[in-house]
Amino acid sequence: MRRLRSRIETPLPCEYIDAVRPDDVELPRGMEIRHLCVDGRWHIEVVYVVESPEDILTLKNTLDDVVRALQLVEKINLQ
């Protein structure tokens, strides 16, 4: 069993933290998503306890979902 931690640092201000938080429900067992405000910028940290090789795919898919949501928020922010 390994505990993996991935961190995404965005250029977005912290006021957008609640933009994707509603999606942080029904996470796989052992996964936690944290939304952080660091120096006025929104950071997202995903921590996951990996117990099998399939769990790595689950982590990848979750990170892909987070990045897609961030891209949408960023696109809307630029308009």
PDB file of N, CA and C in Angstrom:
ATOM      1  N   MET A   1       0.834  -1.163   0.000  1.00  0.00           N
ATOM      2  CA  MET A   1       0.000   0.000   0.000  1.00  0.00           C
ATOM      3  C   MET A   1       0.896   1.250   0.000  1.00  0.00           C
ATOM      4  N   ARG A   2       0.559   2.194  -0.876  1.00  0.00           N
ATOM      5  CA  ARG A   2       1.315   3.446  -0.960  1.00  0.00           C
ATOM      6  C   ARG A   2       0.345   4.612  -0.932  1.00  0.00           C
ATOM      7  N   ARG A   3       0.766   5.665  -0.332  1.00  0.00           N
ATOM      8  CA  ARG A   3      -0.027   6.895  -0.289  1.00  0.00           C
ATOM      9  C   ARG A   3       0.575   7.847  -1.313  1.00  0.00           C
ATOM     10  N   LEU A   4      -0.208   8.155  -2.350  1.00  0.00           N
ATOM     11  CA  LEU A   4       0.257   9.053  -3.408  1.00  0.00           C
ATOM     12  C   LEU A   4      -0.374  10.426  -3.237  1.00  0.00           C
ATOM     13  N   ARG A   5       0.408  11.441  -3.503  1.00  0.00           N
ATOM     14  CA  ARG A   5      -0.068  12.813  -3.377  1.00  0.00           C
ATOM     15  C   ARG A   5       0.253  13.547  -4.673  1.00  0.00           C
ATOM     16  N   SER A   6      -0.786  14.132  -5.279  1.00  0.00           N
ATOM     17  CA  SER A   6      -0.622  14.933  -6.490  1.00  0.00           C
ATOM     18  C   SER A   6      -1.099  16.333  -6.173  1.00  0.00           C
ATOM     19  N   ARG A   7      -0.372  17.322  -6.653  1.00  0.00           N
ATOM     20  CA  ARG A   7      -0.742  18.709  -6.373  1.00  0.00           C
ATOM     21  C   ARG A   7      -0.788  19.484  -7.676  1.00  0.00           C
ATOM     22  N   ILE A   8      -1.879  20.204  -7.865  1.00  0.00           N
ATOM     23  CA  ILE A   8      -2.063  21.039  -9.046  1.00  0.00           C
ATOM     24  C   ILE A   8      -2.076  22.483  -8.570  1.00  0.00           C
ATOM     25  N   GLU A   9      -1.153  23.285  -9.071  1.00  0.00           N
ATOM     26  CA  GLU A   9      -1.088  24.703  -8.731  1.00  0.00           C
ATOM     27  C   GLU A   9      -1.668  25.484  -9.899  1.00  0.00           C
ATOM     28  N   THR A  10      -2.737  26.219  -9.637  1.00  0.00           N
ATOM     29  CA  THR A  10      -3.391  26.948 -10.716  1.00  0.00           C
ATOM     30  C   THR A  10      -3.023  28.427 -10.664  1.00  0.00           C
ATOM     31  N   PRO A  11      -3.216  29.137 -11.783  1.00  0.00           N
ATOM     32  CA  PRO A  11      -3.026  30.586 -11.783  1.00  0.00           C
ATOM     33  C   PRO A  11      -4.285  31.312 -11.311  1.00  0.00           C
ATOM     34  N   LEU A  12      -5.325  30.547 -10.971  1.00  0.00           N
ATOM     35  CA  LEU A  12      -6.613  31.130 -10.611  1.00  0.00           C
ATOM     36  C   LEU A  12      -6.610  31.647  -9.175  1.00  0.00           C
ATOM     37  N   PRO A  13      -7.311  32.759  -8.943  1.00  0.00           N
ATOM     38  CA  PRO A  13      -7.418  33.262  -7.575  1.00  0.00           C
ATOM     39  C   PRO A  13      -8.275  32.334  -6.714  1.00  0.00           C
ATOM     40  N   CYS A  14      -8.096  32.436  -5.420  1.00  0.00           N
ATOM     41  CA  CYS A  14      -8.784  31.547  -4.472  1.00  0.00           C
ATOM     42  C   CYS A  14     -10.300  31.679  -4.514  1.00  0.00           C
ATOM     43  N   GLU A  15     -10.817  32.747  -5.049  1.00  0.00           N
ATOM     44  CA  GLU A  15     -12.275  32.921  -5.099  1.00  0.00           C
ATOM     45  C   GLU A  15     -12.957  31.829  -5.924  1.00  0.00           C
ATOM     46  N   TYR A  16     -12.202  31.097  -6.723  1.00  0.00           N
ATOM     47  CA  TYR A  16     -12.774  30.030  -7.553  1.00  0.00           C
ATOM     48  C   TYR A  16     -12.750  28.661  -6.883  1.00  0.00           C
ATOM     49  N   ILE A  17     -12.280  28.587  -5.667  1.00  0.00           N
ATOM     50  CA  ILE A  17     -12.143  27.295  -4.986  1.00  0.00           C
ATOM     51  C   ILE A  17     -13.447  26.495  -4.996  1.00  0.00           C
ATOM     52  N   ASP A  18     -14.573  27.142  -4.811  1.00  0.00           N
ATOM     53  CA  ASP A  18     -15.841  26.421  -4.740  1.00  0.00           C
ATOM     54  C   ASP A  18     -16.368  26.005  -6.108  1.00  0.00           C
ATOM     55  N   ALA A  19     -15.663  26.343  -7.176  1.00  0.00           N
ATOM     56  CA  ALA A  19     -16.150  26.049  -8.530  1.00  0.00           C
ATOM     57  C   ALA A  19     -16.266  24.558  -8.809  1.00  0.00           C
ATOM     58  N   VAL A  20     -15.355  23.746  -8.321  1.00  0.00           N
ATOM     59  CA  VAL A  20     -15.416  22.301  -8.586  1.00  0.00           C
ATOM     60  C   VAL A  20     -15.622  21.479  -7.323  1.00  0.00           C
ATOM     61  N   ARG A  21     -15.653  22.111  -6.188  1.00  0.00           N
ATOM     62  CA  ARG A  21     -15.820  21.378  -4.928  1.00  0.00           C
ATOM     63  C   ARG A  21     -17.074  20.502  -4.912  1.00  0.00           C
ATOM     64  N   PRO A  22     -18.194  20.924  -5.509  1.00  0.00           N
ATOM     65  CA  PRO A  22     -19.375  20.038  -5.502  1.00  0.00           C
ATOM     66  C   PRO A  22     -19.137  18.687  -6.184  1.00  0.00           C
ATOM     67  N   ASP A  23     -18.108  18.612  -7.030  1.00  0.00           N
ATOM     68  CA  ASP A  23     -17.791  17.344  -7.692  1.00  0.00           C
ATOM     69  C   ASP A  23     -17.013  16.389  -6.790  1.00  0.00           C
ATOM     70  N   ASP A  24     -16.596  16.864  -5.634  1.00  0.00           N
ATOM     71  CA  ASP A  24     -15.769  16.062  -4.734  1.00  0.00           C
ATOM     72  C   ASP A  24     -16.624  15.183  -3.819  1.00  0.00           C
ATOM     73  N   VAL A  25     -17.576  14.485  -4.406  1.00  0.00           N
ATOM     74  CA  VAL A  25     -18.447  13.596  -3.640  1.00  0.00           C
ATOM     75  C   VAL A  25     -18.293  12.180  -4.165  1.00  0.00           C
ATOM     76  N   GLU A  26     -18.625  11.242  -3.332  1.00  0.00           N
ATOM     77  CA  GLU A  26     -18.533   9.830  -3.702  1.00  0.00           C
ATOM     78  C   GLU A  26     -17.159   9.457  -4.250  1.00  0.00           C
ATOM     79  N   LEU A  27     -16.141   9.911  -3.551  1.00  0.00           N
ATOM     80  CA  LEU A  27     -14.767   9.576  -3.940  1.00  0.00           C
ATOM     81  C   LEU A  27     -14.484   8.117  -3.592  1.00  0.00           C
ATOM     82  N   PRO A  28     -13.555   7.516  -4.321  1.00  0.00           N
ATOM     83  CA  PRO A  28     -13.167   6.150  -3.978  1.00  0.00           C
ATOM     84  C   PRO A  28     -12.607   6.083  -2.553  1.00  0.00           C
ATOM     85  N   ARG A  29     -12.764   4.943  -1.936  1.00  0.00           N
ATOM     86  CA  ARG A  29     -12.218   4.742  -0.587  1.00  0.00           C
ATOM     87  C   ARG A  29     -10.716   5.013  -0.616  1.00  0.00           C
ATOM     88  N   GLY A  30     -10.244   5.802   0.330  1.00  0.00           N
ATOM     89  CA  GLY A  30      -8.823   6.107   0.422  1.00  0.00           C
ATOM     90  C   GLY A  30      -8.403   7.348  -0.338  1.00  0.00           C
ATOM     91  N   MET A  31      -9.357   8.039  -0.993  1.00  0.00           N
ATOM     92  CA  MET A  31      -9.027   9.241  -1.759  1.00  0.00           C
ATOM     93  C   MET A  31      -9.561  10.473  -1.038  1.00  0.00           C
ATOM     94  N   GLU A  32      -8.764  11.521  -1.070  1.00  0.00           N
ATOM     95  CA  GLU A  32      -9.164  12.792  -0.486  1.00  0.00           C
ATOM     96  C   GLU A  32      -8.728  13.912  -1.430  1.00  0.00           C
ATOM     97  N   ILE A  33      -9.603  14.879  -1.639  1.00  0.00           N
ATOM     98  CA  ILE A  33      -9.278  16.040  -2.458  1.00  0.00           C
ATOM     99  C   ILE A  33      -9.341  17.269  -1.557  1.00  0.00           C
ATOM    100  N   ARG A  34      -8.244  18.031  -1.564  1.00  0.00           N
ATOM    101  CA  ARG A  34      -8.174  19.244  -0.742  1.00  0.00           C
ATOM    102  C   ARG A  34      -8.017  20.453  -1.659  1.00  0.00           C
ATOM    103  N   HIS A  35      -8.785  21.491  -1.353  1.00  0.00           N
ATOM    104  CA  HIS A  35      -8.684  22.753  -2.075  1.00  0.00           C
ATOM    105  C   HIS A  35      -7.979  23.735  -1.152  1.00  0.00           C
ATOM    106  N   LEU A  36      -6.863  24.280  -1.618  1.00  0.00           N
ATOM    107  CA  LEU A  36      -6.023  25.130  -0.784  1.00  0.00           C
ATOM    108  C   LEU A  36      -5.859  26.506  -1.401  1.00  0.00           C
ATOM    109  N   CYS A  37      -5.723  27.499  -0.563  1.00  0.00           N
ATOM    110  CA  CYS A  37      -5.404  28.844  -1.019  1.00  0.00           C
ATOM    111  C   CYS A  37      -3.965  29.119  -0.584  1.00  0.00           C
ATOM    112  N   VAL A  38      -3.064  29.250  -1.565  1.00  0.00           N
ATOM    113  CA  VAL A  38      -1.649  29.469  -1.286  1.00  0.00           C
ATOM    114  C   VAL A  38      -1.208  30.736  -2.010  1.00  0.00           C
ATOM    115  N   ASP A  39      -0.797  31.717  -1.237  1.00  0.00           N
ATOM    116  CA  ASP A  39      -0.368  32.999  -1.799  1.00  0.00           C
ATOM    117  C   ASP A  39      -1.406  33.576  -2.752  1.00  0.00           C
ATOM    118  N   GLY A  40      -2.677  33.420  -2.386  1.00  0.00           N
ATOM    119  CA  GLY A  40      -3.757  33.986  -3.189  1.00  0.00           C
ATOM    120  C   GLY A  40      -4.135  33.170  -4.410  1.00  0.00           C
ATOM    121  N   ARG A  41      -3.506  32.023  -4.606  1.00  0.00           N
ATOM    122  CA  ARG A  41      -3.792  31.174  -5.766  1.00  0.00           C
ATOM    123  C   ARG A  41      -4.381  29.840  -5.306  1.00  0.00           C
ATOM    124  N   TRP A  42      -5.241  29.299  -6.167  1.00  0.00           N
ATOM    125  CA  TRP A  42      -5.958  28.061  -5.881  1.00  0.00           C
ATOM    126  C   TRP A  42      -5.079  26.867  -6.219  1.00  0.00           C
ATOM    127  N   HIS A  43      -4.870  26.016  -5.239  1.00  0.00           N
ATOM    128  CA  HIS A  43      -4.143  24.765  -5.426  1.00  0.00           C
ATOM    129  C   HIS A  43      -5.073  23.617  -5.065  1.00  0.00           C
ATOM    130  N   ILE A  44      -4.915  22.508  -5.743  1.00  0.00           N
ATOM    131  CA  ILE A  44      -5.709  21.319  -5.463  1.00  0.00           C
ATOM    132  C   ILE A  44      -4.746  20.171  -5.176  1.00  0.00           C
ATOM    133  N   GLU A  45      -5.013  19.480  -4.105  1.00  0.00           N
ATOM    134  CA  GLU A  45      -4.182  18.345  -3.714  1.00  0.00           C
ATOM    135  C   GLU A  45      -5.060  17.105  -3.659  1.00  0.00           C
ATOM    136  N   VAL A  46      -4.632  16.058  -4.346  1.00  0.00           N
ATOM    137  CA  VAL A  46      -5.345  14.786  -4.339  1.00  0.00           C
ATOM    138  C   VAL A  46      -4.441  13.766  -3.657  1.00  0.00           C
ATOM    139  N   VAL A  47      -4.941  13.173  -2.603  1.00  0.00           N
ATOM    140  CA  VAL A  47      -4.211  12.141  -1.858  1.00  0.00           C
ATOM    141  C   VAL A  47      -4.991  10.845  -2.013  1.00  0.00           C
ATOM    142  N   TYR A  48      -4.274   9.770  -2.331  1.00  0.00           N
ATOM    143  CA  TYR A  48      -4.947   8.492  -2.562  1.00  0.00           C
ATOM    144  C   TYR A  48      -4.076   7.355  -2.064  1.00  0.00           C
ATOM    145  N   VAL A  49      -4.688   6.469  -1.310  1.00  0.00           N
ATOM    146  CA  VAL A  49      -4.003   5.266  -0.848  1.00  0.00           C
ATOM    147  C   VAL A  49      -4.202   4.197  -1.921  1.00  0.00           C
ATOM    148  N   VAL A  50      -3.111   3.841  -2.577  1.00  0.00           N
ATOM    149  CA  VAL A  50      -3.149   2.884  -3.684  1.00  0.00           C
ATOM    150  C   VAL A  50      -2.881   1.491  -3.127  1.00  0.00           C
ATOM    151  N   GLU A  51      -3.830   0.607  -3.393  1.00  0.00           N
ATOM    152  CA  GLU A  51      -3.707  -0.770  -2.912  1.00  0.00           C
ATOM    153  C   GLU A  51      -3.506  -1.775  -4.043  1.00  0.00           C
ATOM    154  N   SER A  52      -3.833  -1.359  -5.275  1.00  0.00           N
ATOM    155  CA  SER A  52      -3.699  -2.274  -6.414  1.00  0.00           C
ATOM    156  C   SER A  52      -3.331  -1.461  -7.650  1.00  0.00           C
ATOM    157  N   PRO A  53      -2.828  -2.106  -8.697  1.00  0.00           N
ATOM    158  CA  PRO A  53      -2.486  -1.384  -9.927  1.00  0.00           C
ATOM    159  C   PRO A  53      -3.680  -0.631 -10.529  1.00  0.00           C
ATOM    160  N   GLU A  54      -4.873  -1.172 -10.360  1.00  0.00           N
ATOM    161  CA  GLU A  54      -6.069  -0.511 -10.905  1.00  0.00           C
ATOM    162  C   GLU A  54      -6.315   0.838 -10.241  1.00  0.00           C
ATOM    163  N   ASP A  55      -5.869   0.990  -8.994  1.00  0.00           N
ATOM    164  CA  ASP A  55      -6.043   2.249  -8.277  1.00  0.00           C
ATOM    165  C   ASP A  55      -5.283   3.395  -8.933  1.00  0.00           C
ATOM    166  N   ILE A  56      -4.182   3.079  -9.602  1.00  0.00           N
ATOM    167  CA  ILE A  56      -3.416   4.120 -10.297  1.00  0.00           C
ATOM    168  C   ILE A  56      -4.242   4.682 -11.449  1.00  0.00           C
ATOM    169  N   LEU A  57      -4.973   3.837 -12.140  1.00  0.00           N
ATOM    170  CA  LEU A  57      -5.857   4.294 -13.211  1.00  0.00           C
ATOM    171  C   LEU A  57      -6.977   5.172 -12.634  1.00  0.00           C
ATOM    172  N   THR A  58      -7.504   4.795 -11.488  1.00  0.00           N
ATOM    173  CA  THR A  58      -8.531   5.592 -10.831  1.00  0.00           C
ATOM    174  C   THR A  58      -7.988   6.973 -10.488  1.00  0.00           C
ATOM    175  N   LEU A  59      -6.776   7.026  -9.969  1.00  0.00           N
ATOM    176  CA  LEU A  59      -6.142   8.314  -9.646  1.00  0.00           C
ATOM    177  C   LEU A  59      -5.948   9.144 -10.901  1.00  0.00           C
ATOM    178  N   LYS A  60      -5.465   8.526 -11.962  1.00  0.00           N
ATOM    179  CA  LYS A  60      -5.263   9.230 -13.234  1.00  0.00           C
ATOM    180  C   LYS A  60      -6.581   9.810 -13.741  1.00  0.00           C
ATOM    181  N   ASN A  61      -7.636   9.009 -13.710  1.00  0.00           N
ATOM    182  CA  ASN A  61      -8.936   9.476 -14.185  1.00  0.00           C
ATOM    183  C   ASN A  61      -9.456  10.642 -13.352  1.00  0.00           C
ATOM    184  N   THR A  62      -9.251  10.576 -12.042  1.00  0.00           N
ATOM    185  CA  THR A  62      -9.675  11.666 -11.166  1.00  0.00           C
ATOM    186  C   THR A  62      -8.899  12.933 -11.488  1.00  0.00           C
ATOM    187  N   LEU A  63      -7.591  12.818 -11.662  1.00  0.00           N
ATOM    188  CA  LEU A  63      -6.778  13.991 -12.002  1.00  0.00           C
ATOM    189  C   LEU A  63      -7.189  14.567 -13.359  1.00  0.00           C
ATOM    190  N   ASP A  64      -7.494  13.697 -14.314  1.00  0.00           N
ATOM    191  CA  ASP A  64      -7.981  14.165 -15.618  1.00  0.00           C
ATOM    192  C   ASP A  64      -9.271  14.959 -15.458  1.00  0.00           C
ATOM    193  N   ASP A  65     -10.181  14.465 -14.622  1.00  0.00           N
ATOM    194  CA  ASP A  65     -11.450  15.162 -14.375  1.00  0.00           C
ATOM    195  C   ASP A  65     -11.210  16.527 -13.745  1.00  0.00           C
ATOM    196  N   VAL A  66     -10.310  16.587 -12.788  1.00  0.00           N
ATOM    197  CA  VAL A  66      -9.993  17.854 -12.127  1.00  0.00           C
ATOM    198  C   VAL A  66      -9.404  18.841 -13.130  1.00  0.00           C
ATOM    199  N   VAL A  67      -8.482  18.383 -13.952  1.00  0.00           N
ATOM    200  CA  VAL A  67      -7.855  19.265 -14.943  1.00  0.00           C
ATOM    201  C   VAL A  67      -8.892  19.771 -15.951  1.00  0.00           C
ATOM    202  N   ARG A  68      -9.778  18.913 -16.399  1.00  0.00           N
ATOM    203  CA  ARG A  68     -10.833  19.360 -17.337  1.00  0.00           C
ATOM    204  C   ARG A  68     -11.723  20.424 -16.690  1.00  0.00           C
ATOM    205  N   ALA A  69     -12.078  20.228 -15.432  1.00  0.00           N
ATOM    206  CA  ALA A  69     -12.894  21.219 -14.720  1.00  0.00           C
ATOM    207  C   ALA A  69     -12.131  22.537 -14.586  1.00  0.00           C
ATOM    208  N   LEU A  70     -10.847  22.457 -14.282  1.00  0.00           N
ATOM    209  CA  LEU A  70     -10.030  23.669 -14.164  1.00  0.00           C
ATOM    210  C   LEU A  70      -9.927  24.402 -15.499  1.00  0.00           C
ATOM    211  N   GLN A  71      -9.796  23.660 -16.581  1.00  0.00           N
ATOM    212  CA  GLN A  71      -9.729  24.280 -17.901  1.00  0.00           C
ATOM    213  C   GLN A  71     -11.010  25.030 -18.204  1.00  0.00           C
ATOM    214  N   LEU A  72     -12.129  24.470 -17.825  1.00  0.00           N
ATOM    215  CA  LEU A  72     -13.408  25.133 -18.038  1.00  0.00           C
ATOM    216  C   LEU A  72     -13.512  26.406 -17.210  1.00  0.00           C
ATOM    217  N   VAL A  73     -13.132  26.332 -15.942  1.00  0.00           N
ATOM    218  CA  VAL A  73     -13.155  27.506 -15.064  1.00  0.00           C
ATOM    219  C   VAL A  73     -12.237  28.581 -15.620  1.00  0.00           C
ATOM    220  N   GLU A  74     -11.047  28.187 -16.064  1.00  0.00           N
ATOM    221  CA  GLU A  74     -10.089  29.150 -16.592  1.00  0.00           C
ATOM    222  C   GLU A  74     -10.631  29.793 -17.874  1.00  0.00           C
ATOM    223  N   LYS A  75     -11.246  29.009 -18.743  1.00  0.00           N
ATOM    224  CA  LYS A  75     -11.795  29.532 -19.969  1.00  0.00           C
ATOM    225  C   LYS A  75     -12.900  30.558 -19.678  1.00  0.00           C
ATOM    226  N   ILE A  76     -13.767  30.241 -18.729  1.00  0.00           N
ATOM    227  CA  ILE A  76     -14.846  31.153 -18.358  1.00  0.00           C
ATOM    228  C   ILE A  76     -14.264  32.412 -17.713  1.00  0.00           C
ATOM    229  N   ASN A  77     -13.221  32.250 -16.920  1.00  0.00           N
ATOM    230  CA  ASN A  77     -12.575  33.376 -16.237  1.00  0.00           C
ATOM    231  C   ASN A  77     -11.959  34.347 -17.243  1.00  0.00           C
ATOM    232  N   LEU A  78     -11.477  33.851 -18.372  1.00  0.00           N
ATOM    233  CA  LEU A  78     -10.806  34.696 -19.365  1.00  0.00           C
ATOM    234  C   LEU A  78     -11.781  35.478 -20.225  1.00  0.00           C
ATOM    235  N   GLN A  79     -13.044  35.087 -20.234  1.00  0.00           N
ATOM    236  CA  GLN A  79     -14.026  35.766 -21.081  1.00  0.00           C
ATOM    237  C   GLN A  79     -14.543  37.027 -20.457  1.00  0.00           C
TER     238      GLN A  79
END
